[in-house]
Amino acid sequence: MHVNRRTAITVTAVLLAAAAPTVAQASPAADSGAAPSACRPANHTAKITDAPASAGHHHYRVTLIAPRGYDPCELAGSPADVRFSDHGSQTQLTAGRYGDQHATVTFGPGHPVHFDIQVPNDARQVSADEVSFTLQAPDGQIPGTSFAQGTLKVATGTLIGPLRHGA
């Protein structure tokens, strides 16, 4: 009886192992919508870098990247509730928006997006090393706050551009 039981357990384990890949291939997370959304703040990273200047303004690019394993999602317009911090202390500056607030972009693994921070050159600038913001979907705000790190200077009159495709 001991041999038959061991044989039965081994056969069952082999059958389950053989069936498992078939089940996983039949319903990938990206097609089923079972994976978490890339738009949720915990599911993406963001980085601030310098961007080319324009007449009278300095620009910074905030790039959002989602790792594999998350479902793509739609974002629209400029992020809201943008706040700037320097070494953990929030500045008193608030930012406005510019550009098309209704245009949508697809964001997810392999589809990075970015937005622009436009800072006037002639205003008194303060240093910052972090930006917090709330992403917008076509039908409203996405719950939670996203964060981006990088060195920048901001001033009164700073504007946030809409999300665009690419890094």
Protein backbone atom coordinates (compact mmCIF):
# COMPACT_ATOMS: atom_id res chain seq x y z
CA MET A 1 0.00 0.00 0.00
CA HIS A 2 2.89 2.35 0.79
CA VAL A 3 4.29 2.02 -2.76
CA ASN A 4 0.92 2.61 -4.39
CA ARG A 5 0.31 5.75 -2.34
CA ARG A 6 3.73 7.19 -3.25
CA THR A 7 3.10 6.35 -6.92
CA ALA A 8 -0.30 8.05 -6.79
CA ILE A 9 1.19 11.21 -5.25
CA THR A 10 3.95 11.32 -7.88
CA VAL A 11 1.50 10.81 -10.77
CA THR A 12 -0.81 13.52 -9.37
CA ALA A 13 2.10 15.98 -9.02
CA VAL A 14 3.26 15.32 -12.59
CA LEU A 15 -0.26 15.83 -13.97
CA LEU A 16 -0.72 19.10 -12.03
CA ALA A 17 2.66 20.40 -13.18
CA ALA A 18 1.86 19.55 -16.80
CA ALA A 19 -1.54 21.27 -16.62
CA ALA A 20 -0.27 24.47 -14.94
CA PRO A 21 1.46 26.05 -17.98
CA THR A 22 -1.65 25.47 -20.10
CA VAL A 23 -3.82 27.37 -17.62
CA ALA A 24 -1.35 30.29 -17.38
CA GLN A 25 -1.10 30.61 -21.17
CA ALA A 26 -4.86 30.56 -21.61
CA SER A 27 -5.44 33.73 -19.61
CA PRO A 28 -2.54 36.22 -19.66
CA ALA A 29 -3.02 39.11 -17.24
CA ALA A 30 -2.72 41.78 -19.93
CA ASP A 31 -5.64 40.37 -21.92
CA SER A 32 -7.89 39.59 -18.99
CA GLY A 33 -7.49 42.83 -17.07
CA ALA A 34 -6.53 40.82 -14.00
CA ALA A 35 -3.24 42.65 -13.42
CA PRO A 36 -3.15 45.90 -11.42
CA SER A 37 -3.32 49.15 -13.36
CA ALA A 38 -0.05 50.88 -14.26
CA CYS A 39 -1.75 54.21 -13.45
CA ARG A 40 -1.95 53.51 -9.72
CA PRO A 41 0.85 55.41 -7.92
CA ALA A 42 2.45 52.31 -6.41
CA ASN A 43 2.73 50.66 -9.84
CA HIS A 44 5.00 53.11 -11.68
CA THR A 45 8.14 55.16 -11.21
CA ALA A 46 8.79 58.76 -12.22
CA LYS A 47 11.97 60.74 -12.76
CA ILE A 48 12.66 64.45 -13.35
CA THR A 49 15.27 65.48 -15.93
CA ASP A 50 16.29 68.72 -17.64
CA ALA A 51 14.61 69.46 -20.96
CA PRO A 52 15.49 71.99 -23.67
CA ALA A 53 14.75 75.59 -22.72
CA SER A 54 12.40 77.85 -24.66
CA ALA A 55 12.25 81.64 -24.90
CA GLY A 56 11.84 82.89 -21.34
CA HIS A 57 11.37 79.47 -19.73
CA HIS A 58 13.34 76.57 -18.35
CA HIS A 59 11.78 73.13 -18.84
CA TYR A 60 11.93 69.86 -16.95
CA ARG A 61 10.58 66.53 -18.14
CA VAL A 62 8.87 64.13 -15.75
CA THR A 63 8.90 60.62 -17.24
CA LEU A 64 6.65 57.85 -15.94
CA ILE A 65 7.59 54.20 -16.50
CA ALA A 66 5.60 51.08 -15.61
CA PRO A 67 7.39 47.75 -15.19
CA ARG A 68 6.13 44.55 -16.79
CA GLY A 69 3.22 42.85 -15.06
CA TYR A 70 0.81 45.80 -14.98
CA ASP A 71 -2.16 46.52 -17.23
CA PRO A 72 -1.97 49.59 -19.48
CA CYS A 73 -4.37 52.45 -18.79
CA GLU A 74 -5.51 55.76 -20.24
CA LEU A 75 -4.33 59.12 -18.89
CA ALA A 76 -5.57 62.57 -19.88
CA GLY A 77 -4.44 66.17 -19.57
CA SER A 78 -1.96 67.52 -17.04
CA PRO A 79 -1.45 66.03 -13.59
CA ALA A 80 -3.35 67.84 -10.81
CA ASP A 81 -2.42 68.85 -7.25
CA VAL A 82 1.23 69.33 -8.22
CA ARG A 83 3.44 70.13 -5.23
CA PHE A 84 7.19 70.70 -5.00
CA SER A 85 9.41 69.69 -2.09
CA ASP A 86 13.06 70.20 -1.22
CA HIS A 87 14.66 67.74 1.22
CA GLY A 88 11.21 66.85 2.60
CA SER A 89 9.98 70.44 3.07
CA GLN A 90 7.13 71.44 0.81
CA THR A 91 7.48 74.76 -1.02
CA GLN A 92 4.64 77.28 -1.03
CA LEU A 93 4.46 77.28 -4.84
CA THR A 94 1.52 75.91 -6.77
CA ALA A 95 1.51 75.22 -10.49
CA GLY A 96 -1.01 75.95 -13.20
CA ARG A 97 -1.68 73.93 -16.35
CA TYR A 98 -1.28 74.52 -20.05
CA GLY A 99 -2.17 72.64 -23.23
CA ASP A 100 -4.94 70.24 -24.23
CA GLN A 101 -6.52 68.83 -21.08
CA HIS A 102 -8.72 66.35 -22.98
CA ALA A 103 -6.10 64.51 -25.08
CA THR A 104 -5.48 60.95 -23.86
CA VAL A 105 -2.38 58.76 -23.88
CA THR A 106 -1.96 55.05 -23.20
CA PHE A 107 0.44 54.30 -20.38
CA GLY A 108 1.81 50.94 -19.33
CA PRO A 109 4.72 48.55 -19.70
CA GLY A 110 6.68 49.47 -22.83
CA HIS A 111 4.65 52.69 -23.21
CA PRO A 112 6.28 55.42 -21.07
CA VAL A 113 4.70 58.88 -20.90
CA HIS A 114 5.98 62.27 -19.80
CA PHE A 115 4.82 65.76 -18.92
CA ASP A 116 6.56 69.12 -18.96
CA ILE A 117 7.24 71.50 -16.08
CA GLN A 118 7.66 75.01 -17.51
CA VAL A 119 9.35 77.54 -15.20
CA PRO A 120 9.68 81.27 -16.02
CA ASN A 121 13.30 82.47 -16.15
CA ASP A 122 12.58 85.95 -14.81
CA ALA A 123 10.92 84.92 -11.54
CA ARG A 124 12.58 84.20 -8.20
CA GLN A 125 13.32 80.47 -8.32
CA VAL A 126 13.54 78.01 -5.42
CA SER A 127 15.20 74.60 -5.43
CA ALA A 128 13.23 71.36 -5.28
CA ASP A 129 14.14 67.68 -5.45
CA GLU A 130 10.70 66.06 -5.53
CA VAL A 131 7.37 66.62 -7.25
CA SER A 132 4.12 65.06 -6.07
CA PHE A 133 1.07 64.92 -8.34
CA THR A 134 -2.24 63.22 -9.03
CA LEU A 135 -2.74 61.63 -12.44
CA GLN A 136 -5.89 62.25 -14.45
CA ALA A 137 -7.90 59.66 -16.36
CA PRO A 138 -10.38 60.66 -19.08
CA ASP A 139 -13.21 60.32 -16.53
CA GLY A 140 -11.53 61.95 -13.49
CA GLN A 141 -8.65 61.71 -11.04
CA ILE A 142 -6.84 58.48 -10.28
CA PRO A 143 -6.77 57.95 -6.51
CA GLY A 144 -3.43 58.41 -4.79
CA THR A 145 -0.36 60.58 -5.14
CA SER A 146 2.56 59.86 -7.46
CA PHE A 147 6.10 61.12 -6.79
CA ALA A 148 9.05 61.98 -9.02
CA GLN A 149 12.60 62.70 -7.90
CA GLY A 150 15.21 64.89 -9.55
CA THR A 151 16.81 68.30 -9.22
CA LEU A 152 14.86 71.32 -10.43
CA LYS A 153 14.09 74.96 -9.69
CA VAL A 154 10.53 76.30 -9.64
CA ALA A 155 8.99 79.75 -9.39
CA THR A 156 5.70 81.60 -9.33
CA GLY A 157 4.12 81.10 -12.74
CA THR A 158 5.27 77.48 -13.14
CA LEU A 159 2.99 75.52 -15.48
CA ILE A 160 2.44 71.79 -15.99
CA GLY A 161 1.93 70.46 -19.52
CA PRO A 162 -0.31 67.59 -20.55
CA LEU A 163 0.89 64.00 -20.63
CA ARG A 164 2.46 62.90 -23.91
CA HIS A 165 3.74 59.63 -25.35
CA GLY A 166 7.38 58.66 -24.94
CA ALA A 167 10.20 58.95 -22.46
